[in-house]
Amino acid sequence: MLPVFPLLFFIISIGSTLWYQRTDNDIFGVLAAASALTCLIWGLIIAHWSIHLVSLIMLLRFGSPVFNAIQVNVSDK
């Protein structure tokens, strides 16, 4: 059976994001952005473990590193 709640939260999140992009009124934009963020976080919290695993693999594969490696030269005196 297809899990309904994560899919519903994802649809609401996408709809809120589209509504946020099309509105000029500030309060509706803030409400749409807050609704999208809440539904996205809540949907990820109740998602199945396999979805978390796939998203982690995608993040590690396609994500850019936050910290860059720095080479430090050490000289002996």
PDB file of N, CA and C in Angstrom:
ATOM      1  N   MET A   1       0.839  -1.180   0.000  1.00  0.00           N
ATOM      2  CA  MET A   1       0.000   0.000   0.000  1.00  0.00           C
ATOM      3  C   MET A   1       0.883   1.243   0.000  1.00  0.00           C
ATOM      4  N   LEU A   2       0.515   2.213  -0.781  1.00  0.00           N
ATOM      5  CA  LEU A   2       1.259   3.456  -0.895  1.00  0.00           C
ATOM      6  C   LEU A   2       1.024   4.316   0.340  1.00  0.00           C
ATOM      7  N   PRO A   3       2.099   4.789   0.974  1.00  0.00           N
ATOM      8  CA  PRO A   3       1.897   5.663   2.132  1.00  0.00           C
ATOM      9  C   PRO A   3       1.279   6.989   1.698  1.00  0.00           C
ATOM     10  N   VAL A   4       0.184   7.340   2.339  1.00  0.00           N
ATOM     11  CA  VAL A   4      -0.593   8.494   1.905  1.00  0.00           C
ATOM     12  C   VAL A   4      -0.061   9.799   2.490  1.00  0.00           C
ATOM     13  N   PHE A   5       0.300   9.790   3.767  1.00  0.00           N
ATOM     14  CA  PHE A   5       0.662  11.042   4.419  1.00  0.00           C
ATOM     15  C   PHE A   5       1.926  11.692   3.864  1.00  0.00           C
ATOM     16  N   PRO A   6       3.031  10.964   3.643  1.00  0.00           N
ATOM     17  CA  PRO A   6       4.186  11.641   3.045  1.00  0.00           C
ATOM     18  C   PRO A   6       3.888  12.180   1.650  1.00  0.00           C
ATOM     19  N   LEU A   7       3.103  11.455   0.877  1.00  0.00           N
ATOM     20  CA  LEU A   7       2.727  11.927  -0.450  1.00  0.00           C
ATOM     21  C   LEU A   7       1.840  13.165  -0.361  1.00  0.00           C
ATOM     22  N   LEU A   8       0.907  13.162   0.578  1.00  0.00           N
ATOM     23  CA  LEU A   8       0.034  14.317   0.786  1.00  0.00           C
ATOM     24  C   LEU A   8       0.834  15.537   1.232  1.00  0.00           C
ATOM     25  N   PHE A   9       1.782  15.343   2.141  1.00  0.00           N
ATOM     26  CA  PHE A   9       2.620  16.455   2.588  1.00  0.00           C
ATOM     27  C   PHE A   9       3.481  16.983   1.453  1.00  0.00           C
ATOM     28  N   PHE A  10       3.966  16.091   0.591  1.00  0.00           N
ATOM     29  CA  PHE A  10       4.769  16.527  -0.547  1.00  0.00           C
ATOM     30  C   PHE A  10       3.934  17.349  -1.522  1.00  0.00           C
ATOM     31  N   ILE A  11       2.703  16.925  -1.781  1.00  0.00           N
ATOM     32  CA  ILE A  11       1.816  17.663  -2.685  1.00  0.00           C
ATOM     33  C   ILE A  11       1.472  19.030  -2.101  1.00  0.00           C
ATOM     34  N   ILE A  12       1.186  19.077  -0.799  1.00  0.00           N
ATOM     35  CA  ILE A  12       0.886  20.358  -0.154  1.00  0.00           C
ATOM     36  C   ILE A  12       2.109  21.269  -0.192  1.00  0.00           C
ATOM     37  N   SER A  13       3.284  20.706   0.007  1.00  0.00           N
ATOM     38  CA  SER A  13       4.509  21.490  -0.032  1.00  0.00           C
ATOM     39  C   SER A  13       4.749  22.083  -1.421  1.00  0.00           C
ATOM     40  N   ILE A  14       4.560  21.286  -2.460  1.00  0.00           N
ATOM     41  CA  ILE A  14       4.725  21.788  -3.833  1.00  0.00           C
ATOM     42  C   ILE A  14       3.677  22.853  -4.144  1.00  0.00           C
ATOM     43  N   GLY A  15       2.427  22.601  -3.747  1.00  0.00           N
ATOM     44  CA  GLY A  15       1.366  23.587  -3.967  1.00  0.00           C
ATOM     45  C   GLY A  15       1.622  24.889  -3.238  1.00  0.00           C
ATOM     46  N   SER A  16       2.111  24.811  -2.014  1.00  0.00           N
ATOM     47  CA  SER A  16       2.417  26.025  -1.258  1.00  0.00           C
ATOM     48  C   SER A  16       3.573  26.796  -1.886  1.00  0.00           C
ATOM     49  N   THR A  17       4.544  26.076  -2.404  1.00  0.00           N
ATOM     50  CA  THR A  17       5.661  26.745  -3.064  1.00  0.00           C
ATOM     51  C   THR A  17       5.196  27.461  -4.331  1.00  0.00           C
ATOM     52  N   LEU A  18       4.336  26.817  -5.104  1.00  0.00           N
ATOM     53  CA  LEU A  18       3.802  27.478  -6.300  1.00  0.00           C
ATOM     54  C   LEU A  18       2.950  28.685  -5.933  1.00  0.00           C
ATOM     55  N   TRP A  19       2.171  28.565  -4.861  1.00  0.00           N
ATOM     56  CA  TRP A  19       1.342  29.681  -4.406  1.00  0.00           C
ATOM     57  C   TRP A  19       2.222  30.833  -3.933  1.00  0.00           C
ATOM     58  N   TYR A  20       3.322  30.509  -3.264  1.00  0.00           N
ATOM     59  CA  TYR A  20       4.260  31.525  -2.793  1.00  0.00           C
ATOM     60  C   TYR A  20       4.869  32.290  -3.965  1.00  0.00           C
ATOM     61  N   GLN A  21       5.172  31.599  -5.052  1.00  0.00           N
ATOM     62  CA  GLN A  21       5.797  32.253  -6.195  1.00  0.00           C
ATOM     63  C   GLN A  21       4.818  33.120  -6.973  1.00  0.00           C
ATOM     64  N   ARG A  22       3.537  32.820  -6.895  1.00  0.00           N
ATOM     65  CA  ARG A  22       2.552  33.560  -7.692  1.00  0.00           C
ATOM     66  C   ARG A  22       1.875  34.698  -6.942  1.00  0.00           C
ATOM     67  N   THR A  23       2.075  34.807  -5.646  1.00  0.00           N
ATOM     68  CA  THR A  23       1.379  35.836  -4.890  1.00  0.00           C
ATOM     69  C   THR A  23       2.265  37.059  -4.681  1.00  0.00           C
ATOM     70  N   ASP A  24       1.630  38.227  -4.623  1.00  0.00           N
ATOM     71  CA  ASP A  24       2.333  39.471  -4.350  1.00  0.00           C
ATOM     72  C   ASP A  24       2.078  39.959  -2.929  1.00  0.00           C
ATOM     73  N   ASN A  25       1.087  39.375  -2.268  1.00  0.00           N
ATOM     74  CA  ASN A  25       0.746  39.783  -0.917  1.00  0.00           C
ATOM     75  C   ASN A  25       1.726  39.144   0.067  1.00  0.00           C
ATOM     76  N   ASP A  26       2.241  39.934   0.998  1.00  0.00           N
ATOM     77  CA  ASP A  26       3.288  39.449   1.901  1.00  0.00           C
ATOM     78  C   ASP A  26       2.810  38.354   2.833  1.00  0.00           C
ATOM     79  N   ILE A  27       1.625  38.509   3.416  1.00  0.00           N
ATOM     80  CA  ILE A  27       1.170  37.539   4.409  1.00  0.00           C
ATOM     81  C   ILE A  27       0.907  36.178   3.771  1.00  0.00           C
ATOM     82  N   PHE A  28       0.357  36.158   2.564  1.00  0.00           N
ATOM     83  CA  PHE A  28       0.130  34.884   1.891  1.00  0.00           C
ATOM     84  C   PHE A  28       1.453  34.227   1.499  1.00  0.00           C
ATOM     85  N   GLY A  29       2.427  35.030   1.143  1.00  0.00           N
ATOM     86  CA  GLY A  29       3.743  34.483   0.831  1.00  0.00           C
ATOM     87  C   GLY A  29       4.407  33.858   2.042  1.00  0.00           C
ATOM     88  N   VAL A  30       4.305  34.531   3.185  1.00  0.00           N
ATOM     89  CA  VAL A  30       4.891  33.998   4.416  1.00  0.00           C
ATOM     90  C   VAL A  30       4.163  32.732   4.840  1.00  0.00           C
ATOM     91  N   LEU A  31       2.841  32.734   4.765  1.00  0.00           N
ATOM     92  CA  LEU A  31       2.068  31.547   5.132  1.00  0.00           C
ATOM     93  C   LEU A  31       2.365  30.372   4.200  1.00  0.00           C
ATOM     94  N   ALA A  32       2.497  30.646   2.916  1.00  0.00           N
ATOM     95  CA  ALA A  32       2.794  29.573   1.965  1.00  0.00           C
ATOM     96  C   ALA A  32       4.189  29.005   2.197  1.00  0.00           C
ATOM     97  N   ALA A  33       5.158  29.868   2.466  1.00  0.00           N
ATOM     98  CA  ALA A  33       6.517  29.387   2.726  1.00  0.00           C
ATOM     99  C   ALA A  33       6.579  28.584   4.022  1.00  0.00           C
ATOM    100  N   ALA A  34       5.896  29.049   5.059  1.00  0.00           N
ATOM    101  CA  ALA A  34       5.872  28.315   6.330  1.00  0.00           C
ATOM    102  C   ALA A  34       5.155  26.979   6.175  1.00  0.00           C
ATOM    103  N   SER A  35       4.071  26.972   5.415  1.00  0.00           N
ATOM    104  CA  SER A  35       3.340  25.728   5.174  1.00  0.00           C
ATOM    105  C   SER A  35       4.189  24.737   4.380  1.00  0.00           C
ATOM    106  N   ALA A  36       4.894  25.219   3.380  1.00  0.00           N
ATOM    107  CA  ALA A  36       5.754  24.339   2.583  1.00  0.00           C
ATOM    108  C   ALA A  36       6.874  23.758   3.430  1.00  0.00           C
ATOM    109  N   LEU A  37       7.504  24.582   4.248  1.00  0.00           N
ATOM    110  CA  LEU A  37       8.589  24.101   5.094  1.00  0.00           C
ATOM    111  C   LEU A  37       8.091  23.110   6.136  1.00  0.00           C
ATOM    112  N   THR A  38       6.949  23.407   6.751  1.00  0.00           N
ATOM    113  CA  THR A  38       6.380  22.511   7.756  1.00  0.00           C
ATOM    114  C   THR A  38       5.998  21.169   7.145  1.00  0.00           C
ATOM    115  N   CYS A  39       5.336  21.193   6.012  1.00  0.00           N
ATOM    116  CA  CYS A  39       4.920  19.938   5.374  1.00  0.00           C
ATOM    117  C   CYS A  39       6.115  19.131   4.888  1.00  0.00           C
ATOM    118  N   LEU A  40       7.145  19.805   4.414  1.00  0.00           N
ATOM    119  CA  LEU A  40       8.330  19.092   3.960  1.00  0.00           C
ATOM    120  C   LEU A  40       9.036  18.413   5.134  1.00  0.00           C
ATOM    121  N   ILE A  41       9.207  19.124   6.232  1.00  0.00           N
ATOM    122  CA  ILE A  41       9.864  18.537   7.404  1.00  0.00           C
ATOM    123  C   ILE A  41       9.016  17.425   7.994  1.00  0.00           C
ATOM    124  N   TRP A  42       7.730  17.664   8.143  1.00  0.00           N
ATOM    125  CA  TRP A  42       6.842  16.665   8.733  1.00  0.00           C
ATOM    126  C   TRP A  42       6.764  15.414   7.845  1.00  0.00           C
ATOM    127  N   GLY A  43       6.727  15.621   6.539  1.00  0.00           N
ATOM    128  CA  GLY A  43       6.703  14.490   5.616  1.00  0.00           C
ATOM    129  C   GLY A  43       7.974  13.669   5.673  1.00  0.00           C
ATOM    130  N   LEU A  44       9.116  14.333   5.844  1.00  0.00           N
ATOM    131  CA  LEU A  44      10.367  13.590   5.960  1.00  0.00           C
ATOM    132  C   LEU A  44      10.470  12.861   7.294  1.00  0.00           C
ATOM    133  N   ILE A  45       9.866  13.412   8.327  1.00  0.00           N
ATOM    134  CA  ILE A  45       9.919  12.759   9.636  1.00  0.00           C
ATOM    135  C   ILE A  45       9.146  11.446   9.621  1.00  0.00           C
ATOM    136  N   ILE A  46       7.973  11.423   8.995  1.00  0.00           N
ATOM    137  CA  ILE A  46       7.149  10.212   9.034  1.00  0.00           C
ATOM    138  C   ILE A  46       7.389   9.294   7.841  1.00  0.00           C
ATOM    139  N   ALA A  47       8.394   9.618   7.022  1.00  0.00           N
ATOM    140  CA  ALA A  47       8.675   8.798   5.843  1.00  0.00           C
ATOM    141  C   ALA A  47       9.304   7.467   6.249  1.00  0.00           C
ATOM    142  N   HIS A  48       9.227   6.517   5.361  1.00  0.00           N
ATOM    143  CA  HIS A  48       9.798   5.185   5.566  1.00  0.00           C
ATOM    144  C   HIS A  48      11.323   5.278   5.566  1.00  0.00           C
ATOM    145  N   TRP A  49      11.981   4.335   6.212  1.00  0.00           N
ATOM    146  CA  TRP A  49      13.438   4.380   6.331  1.00  0.00           C
ATOM    147  C   TRP A  49      14.125   4.282   4.982  1.00  0.00           C
ATOM    148  N   SER A  50      13.501   3.629   4.014  1.00  0.00           N
ATOM    149  CA  SER A  50      14.132   3.502   2.698  1.00  0.00           C
ATOM    150  C   SER A  50      14.205   4.854   1.987  1.00  0.00           C
ATOM    151  N   ILE A  51      13.215   5.712   2.218  1.00  0.00           N
ATOM    152  CA  ILE A  51      13.247   7.056   1.631  1.00  0.00           C
ATOM    153  C   ILE A  51      14.386   7.860   2.244  1.00  0.00           C
ATOM    154  N   HIS A  52      14.598   7.700   3.541  1.00  0.00           N
ATOM    155  CA  HIS A  52      15.717   8.375   4.195  1.00  0.00           C
ATOM    156  C   HIS A  52      17.051   7.879   3.635  1.00  0.00           C
ATOM    157  N   LEU A  53      17.149   6.579   3.399  1.00  0.00           N
ATOM    158  CA  LEU A  53      18.379   6.006   2.866  1.00  0.00           C
ATOM    159  C   LEU A  53      18.656   6.495   1.446  1.00  0.00           C
ATOM    160  N   VAL A  54      17.636   6.529   0.611  1.00  0.00           N
ATOM    161  CA  VAL A  54      17.804   7.009  -0.766  1.00  0.00           C
ATOM    162  C   VAL A  54      18.181   8.487  -0.775  1.00  0.00           C
ATOM    163  N   SER A  55      17.554   9.288   0.074  1.00  0.00           N
ATOM    164  CA  SER A  55      17.891  10.712   0.113  1.00  0.00           C
ATOM    165  C   SER A  55      19.305  10.935   0.641  1.00  0.00           C
ATOM    166  N   LEU A  56      19.754  10.118   1.590  1.00  0.00           N
ATOM    167  CA  LEU A  56      21.127  10.229   2.079  1.00  0.00           C
ATOM    168  C   LEU A  56      22.127   9.869   0.991  1.00  0.00           C
ATOM    169  N   ILE A  57      21.845   8.819   0.235  1.00  0.00           N
ATOM    170  CA  ILE A  57      22.734   8.430  -0.865  1.00  0.00           C
ATOM    171  C   ILE A  57      22.774   9.520  -1.932  1.00  0.00           C
ATOM    172  N   MET A  58      21.625  10.098  -2.256  1.00  0.00           N
ATOM    173  CA  MET A  58      21.601  11.186  -3.238  1.00  0.00           C
ATOM    174  C   MET A  58      22.359  12.405  -2.727  1.00  0.00           C
ATOM    175  N   LEU A  59      22.218  12.710  -1.445  1.00  0.00           N
ATOM    176  CA  LEU A  59      22.923  13.847  -0.866  1.00  0.00           C
ATOM    177  C   LEU A  59      24.428  13.635  -0.896  1.00  0.00           C
ATOM    178  N   LEU A  60      24.874  12.432  -0.554  1.00  0.00           N
ATOM    179  CA  LEU A  60      26.304  12.154  -0.578  1.00  0.00           C
ATOM    180  C   LEU A  60      26.854  12.091  -1.997  1.00  0.00           C
ATOM    181  N   ARG A  61      26.037  11.660  -2.935  1.00  0.00           N
ATOM    182  CA  ARG A  61      26.491  11.530  -4.324  1.00  0.00           C
ATOM    183  C   ARG A  61      26.525  12.875  -5.046  1.00  0.00           C
ATOM    184  N   PHE A  62      25.484  13.679  -4.889  1.00  0.00           N
ATOM    185  CA  PHE A  62      25.350  14.906  -5.672  1.00  0.00           C
ATOM    186  C   PHE A  62      25.572  16.177  -4.868  1.00  0.00           C
ATOM    187  N   GLY A  63      25.700  16.076  -3.566  1.00  0.00           N
ATOM    188  CA  GLY A  63      25.868  17.262  -2.732  1.00  0.00           C
ATOM    189  C   GLY A  63      27.267  17.838  -2.842  1.00  0.00           C
ATOM    190  N   SER A  64      27.360  19.117  -2.655  1.00  0.00           N
ATOM    191  CA  SER A  64      28.668  19.758  -2.666  1.00  0.00           C
ATOM    192  C   SER A  64      29.206  19.791  -1.238  1.00  0.00           C
ATOM    193  N   PRO A  65      30.496  19.643  -1.079  1.00  0.00           N
ATOM    194  CA  PRO A  65      31.050  19.648   0.274  1.00  0.00           C
ATOM    195  C   PRO A  65      30.956  21.037   0.900  1.00  0.00           C
ATOM    196  N   VAL A  66      30.661  21.061   2.172  1.00  0.00           N
ATOM    197  CA  VAL A  66      30.534  22.328   2.885  1.00  0.00           C
ATOM    198  C   VAL A  66      31.913  22.871   3.219  1.00  0.00           C
ATOM    199  N   PHE A  67      32.780  22.003   3.648  1.00  0.00           N
ATOM    200  CA  PHE A  67      34.125  22.412   4.015  1.00  0.00           C
ATOM    201  C   PHE A  67      35.113  21.877   2.987  1.00  0.00           C
ATOM    202  N   ASN A  68      36.029  22.721   2.564  1.00  0.00           N
ATOM    203  CA  ASN A  68      37.059  22.306   1.619  1.00  0.00           C
ATOM    204  C   ASN A  68      38.309  21.894   2.387  1.00  0.00           C
ATOM    205  N   ALA A  69      39.000  20.912   1.870  1.00  0.00           N
ATOM    206  CA  ALA A  69      40.233  20.457   2.501  1.00  0.00           C
ATOM    207  C   ALA A  69      41.332  21.483   2.263  1.00  0.00           C
ATOM    208  N   ILE A  70      42.073  21.776   3.301  1.00  0.00           N
ATOM    209  CA  ILE A  70      43.175  22.731   3.216  1.00  0.00           C
ATOM    210  C   ILE A  70      44.469  21.976   3.480  1.00  0.00           C
ATOM    211  N   GLN A  71      45.438  22.166   2.599  1.00  0.00           N
ATOM    212  CA  GLN A  71      46.723  21.507   2.774  1.00  0.00           C
ATOM    213  C   GLN A  71      47.649  22.455   3.523  1.00  0.00           C
ATOM    214  N   VAL A  72      48.204  21.969   4.602  1.00  0.00           N
ATOM    215  CA  VAL A  72      49.103  22.775   5.429  1.00  0.00           C
ATOM    216  C   VAL A  72      50.504  22.208   5.301  1.00  0.00           C
ATOM    217  N   ASN A  73      51.448  23.048   4.897  1.00  0.00           N
ATOM    218  CA  ASN A  73      52.846  22.631   4.785  1.00  0.00           C
ATOM    219  C   ASN A  73      53.522  22.780   6.143  1.00  0.00           C
ATOM    220  N   VAL A  74      54.167  21.724   6.566  1.00  0.00           N
ATOM    221  CA  VAL A  74      54.885  21.738   7.835  1.00  0.00           C
ATOM    222  C   VAL A  74      56.364  21.558   7.527  1.00  0.00           C
ATOM    223  N   SER A  75      57.170  22.484   7.988  1.00  0.00           N
ATOM    224  CA  SER A  75      58.614  22.375   7.751  1.00  0.00           C
ATOM    225  C   SER A  75      59.314  22.074   9.071  1.00  0.00           C
ATOM    226  N   ASP A  76      60.329  21.231   8.973  1.00  0.00           N
ATOM    227  CA  ASP A  76      61.121  20.890  10.158  1.00  0.00           C
ATOM    228  C   ASP A  76      62.243  21.906  10.311  1.00  0.00           C
ATOM    229  N   LYS A  77      62.467  22.375  11.531  1.00  0.00           N
ATOM    230  CA  LYS A  77      63.558  23.329  11.781  1.00  0.00           C
ATOM    231  C   LYS A  77      64.630  22.717  12.618  1.00  0.00           C
TER     232      LYS A  77
END
